[in-house]
Amino acid sequence: MDFLEKNLEDIIYAAMQSKEGLQMLYQRGLSVFEYGINTKTIRQLNVGNYGTADIVTVERFSAEQNRRAYLNITVYELKKKTINLGVLLQVYRYCKGIKQYLSKRYFVEEVNFKICLIGSEIDTHTDWVYMFDFELPEINVYKYNYQIDGIKFSLEELSNYALTNEGFKL
């Protein structure tokens, strides 16, 4: 019998439905979110044209002193085989879609994202694995244009990038 990505999702999602299941996952080496009364687990979350996330947990925290209510969201991406840079970028796309949706539908701005990548192999033969050693500093992205009068650069603002057609039904 071939073990499929869907089987992995079935096991993890079912375990996330109870404290006992979460403890079993922890005992088997998978530390997931703290089980709280305000935690919701969503399977196959459609994030409009940004894609479909395998499993997403959302934990809502009430407003604290001098702070508005906020959300902790964990996006789980499951792969039958290899975890690599493409998988990480895929999850970043989902996070962007979730953030866009929440800001447009519920006017939520404060969201803390966590990412959990799960697969049977990890691509350690490419440079992407070095990212995990560092908290990334501010990153600037420039476009250049080389014309007859020389080279020119323009700083691109990518933090506000969003799909033109996000596919949300608001």
Protein backbone atom coordinates (compact mmCIF):
# COMPACT_ATOMS: atom_id res chain seq x y z
CA MET A 1 0.00 0.00 0.00
CA ASP A 2 1.30 3.43 -0.97
CA PHE A 3 1.22 6.03 1.82
CA LEU A 4 -0.34 9.18 0.38
CA GLU A 5 -0.25 12.83 1.39
CA LYS A 6 -3.97 12.52 2.13
CA ASN A 7 -3.22 9.72 4.64
CA LEU A 8 -0.77 12.00 6.43
CA GLU A 9 -3.36 14.78 6.49
CA ASP A 10 -6.05 12.39 7.80
CA ILE A 11 -3.83 11.27 10.69
CA ILE A 12 -2.71 14.74 11.75
CA TYR A 13 -6.12 16.39 11.37
CA ALA A 14 -7.90 13.64 13.31
CA ALA A 15 -5.36 13.88 16.13
CA MET A 16 -5.78 17.67 16.30
CA GLN A 17 -9.43 17.26 17.27
CA SER A 18 -8.72 16.32 20.90
CA LYS A 19 -6.24 16.95 23.70
CA GLU A 20 -5.43 13.24 23.72
CA GLY A 21 -4.70 13.29 20.00
CA LEU A 22 -2.44 16.32 20.37
CA GLN A 23 -0.60 14.56 23.19
CA MET A 24 -0.15 11.52 20.96
CA LEU A 25 1.30 13.69 18.20
CA TYR A 26 3.65 15.26 20.74
CA GLN A 27 4.73 11.83 22.02
CA ARG A 28 5.48 10.84 18.44
CA GLY A 29 7.62 13.92 17.87
CA LEU A 30 5.24 16.48 16.35
CA SER A 31 4.79 19.58 18.51
CA VAL A 32 1.70 21.42 17.38
CA PHE A 33 -0.10 24.46 18.74
CA GLU A 34 -1.19 24.73 22.34
CA TYR A 35 -4.72 23.41 22.53
CA GLY A 36 -6.88 26.30 23.63
CA ILE A 37 -10.55 27.00 23.94
CA ASN A 38 -10.26 29.65 21.22
CA THR A 39 -8.42 27.40 18.72
CA LYS A 40 -10.02 26.35 15.46
CA THR A 41 -8.55 23.78 13.07
CA ILE A 42 -9.43 24.04 9.39
CA ARG A 43 -8.67 21.42 6.77
CA GLN A 44 -8.15 22.21 3.07
CA LEU A 45 -8.60 25.94 3.59
CA ASN A 46 -9.39 27.64 0.28
CA VAL A 47 -7.45 30.91 0.21
CA GLY A 48 -8.96 32.22 -3.01
CA ASN A 49 -6.54 32.33 -5.91
CA TYR A 50 -3.61 32.01 -3.47
CA GLY A 51 -4.28 28.27 -3.23
CA THR A 52 -5.50 25.70 -0.73
CA ALA A 53 -3.67 25.14 2.54
CA ASP A 54 -3.63 21.57 3.90
CA ILE A 55 -4.30 22.40 7.57
CA VAL A 56 -4.58 25.77 9.29
CA THR A 57 -5.02 26.46 12.98
CA VAL A 58 -6.34 29.79 14.19
CA GLU A 59 -6.07 30.86 17.79
CA ARG A 60 -7.71 34.09 18.88
CA PHE A 61 -6.36 36.07 21.79
CA SER A 62 -8.46 38.70 23.51
CA ALA A 63 -7.38 42.28 23.82
CA GLU A 64 -4.79 42.85 26.50
CA GLN A 65 -3.63 46.01 28.19
CA ASN A 66 -2.72 48.54 25.46
CA ARG A 67 -3.12 45.87 22.76
CA ARG A 68 -5.93 44.91 20.43
CA ALA A 69 -7.13 41.35 19.95
CA TYR A 70 -4.89 39.32 17.68
CA LEU A 71 -4.66 35.95 15.94
CA ASN A 72 -1.99 33.27 15.95
CA ILE A 73 -2.26 31.30 12.72
CA THR A 74 -0.25 28.20 11.92
CA VAL A 75 -0.19 26.92 8.34
CA TYR A 76 0.70 23.25 7.96
CA GLU A 77 1.91 22.09 4.57
CA LEU A 78 2.16 18.35 4.12
CA LYS A 79 4.16 16.58 1.44
CA LYS A 80 4.38 12.89 0.68
CA LYS A 81 8.05 13.30 -0.17
CA THR A 82 10.39 16.28 -0.18
CA ILE A 83 10.27 19.60 1.69
CA ASN A 84 12.18 22.27 -0.22
CA LEU A 85 12.24 26.00 -0.98
CA GLY A 86 9.25 25.69 -3.31
CA VAL A 87 7.15 24.28 -0.47
CA LEU A 88 8.19 27.13 1.84
CA LEU A 89 7.32 29.73 -0.81
CA GLN A 90 3.97 28.00 -1.38
CA VAL A 91 3.14 28.44 2.32
CA TYR A 92 4.22 32.09 2.26
CA ARG A 93 1.71 32.55 -0.58
CA TYR A 94 -1.03 31.03 1.58
CA CYS A 95 -0.05 33.29 4.50
CA LYS A 96 -0.30 36.33 2.23
CA GLY A 97 -3.73 35.22 1.04
CA ILE A 98 -4.97 34.64 4.58
CA LYS A 99 -3.66 38.04 5.65
CA GLN A 100 -5.33 39.73 2.66
CA TYR A 101 -8.64 38.00 3.32
CA LEU A 102 -8.67 38.85 7.02
CA SER A 103 -7.82 42.49 6.37
CA LYS A 104 -10.60 42.85 3.76
CA ARG A 105 -13.32 40.71 5.36
CA TYR A 106 -12.81 41.26 9.08
CA PHE A 107 -10.45 44.26 9.16
CA VAL A 108 -7.96 42.20 11.20
CA GLU A 109 -4.47 43.56 10.96
CA GLU A 110 -2.54 41.89 13.77
CA VAL A 111 -1.76 38.32 12.82
CA ASN A 112 1.19 36.20 13.94
CA PHE A 113 2.02 33.44 11.48
CA LYS A 114 3.81 30.18 12.12
CA ILE A 115 4.68 27.68 9.42
CA CYS A 116 4.95 23.92 9.85
CA LEU A 117 6.34 21.90 6.93
CA ILE A 118 5.98 18.12 7.11
CA GLY A 119 7.37 15.61 4.60
CA SER A 120 9.29 12.34 4.44
CA GLU A 121 12.46 14.01 3.12
CA ILE A 122 14.13 17.42 3.34
CA ASP A 123 16.15 18.83 0.48
CA THR A 124 19.48 19.59 2.17
CA HIS A 125 21.42 19.76 -1.09
CA THR A 126 20.45 23.34 -1.95
CA ASP A 127 21.11 26.66 -0.24
CA TRP A 128 17.60 27.18 1.11
CA VAL A 129 18.40 25.32 4.34
CA TYR A 130 20.74 28.13 5.44
CA MET A 131 17.74 30.46 5.87
CA PHE A 132 16.85 28.76 9.13
CA ASP A 133 20.05 29.93 10.84
CA PHE A 134 19.06 33.59 10.71
CA GLU A 135 16.31 35.99 11.52
CA LEU A 136 16.09 37.67 8.18
CA PRO A 137 16.94 41.35 8.17
CA GLU A 138 15.10 43.91 6.12
CA ILE A 139 15.31 42.86 2.50
CA ASN A 140 15.36 45.38 -0.32
CA VAL A 141 14.54 44.33 -3.86
CA TYR A 142 15.55 46.49 -6.81
CA LYS A 143 14.79 46.39 -10.49
CA TYR A 144 17.43 47.61 -12.86
CA ASN A 145 17.06 49.03 -16.33
CA TYR A 146 20.05 49.35 -18.63
CA GLN A 147 19.59 51.86 -21.44
CA ILE A 148 21.69 54.04 -23.68
CA ASP A 149 22.21 56.61 -20.90
CA GLY A 150 23.41 53.97 -18.41
CA ILE A 151 22.03 51.80 -15.69
CA LYS A 152 19.20 52.88 -13.37
CA PHE A 153 17.76 51.18 -10.30
CA SER A 154 14.34 51.36 -8.71
CA LEU A 155 13.45 50.08 -5.26
CA GLU A 156 10.42 47.79 -5.46
CA GLU A 157 7.88 47.72 -2.64
CA LEU A 158 6.89 44.07 -2.45
CA SER A 159 5.41 44.02 1.06
CA ASN A 160 2.08 45.28 -0.24
CA TYR A 161 1.97 42.96 -3.24
CA ALA A 162 -1.30 41.11 -3.75
CA LEU A 163 -2.92 39.21 -6.59
CA THR A 164 -4.96 41.39 -8.91
CA ASN A 165 -7.78 38.84 -8.73
CA GLU A 166 -7.63 37.29 -5.27
CA GLY A 167 -10.71 35.13 -5.81
CA PHE A 168 -12.37 35.91 -2.49
CA LYS A 169 -16.14 35.88 -2.22
CA LEU A 170 -16.65 38.69 0.31
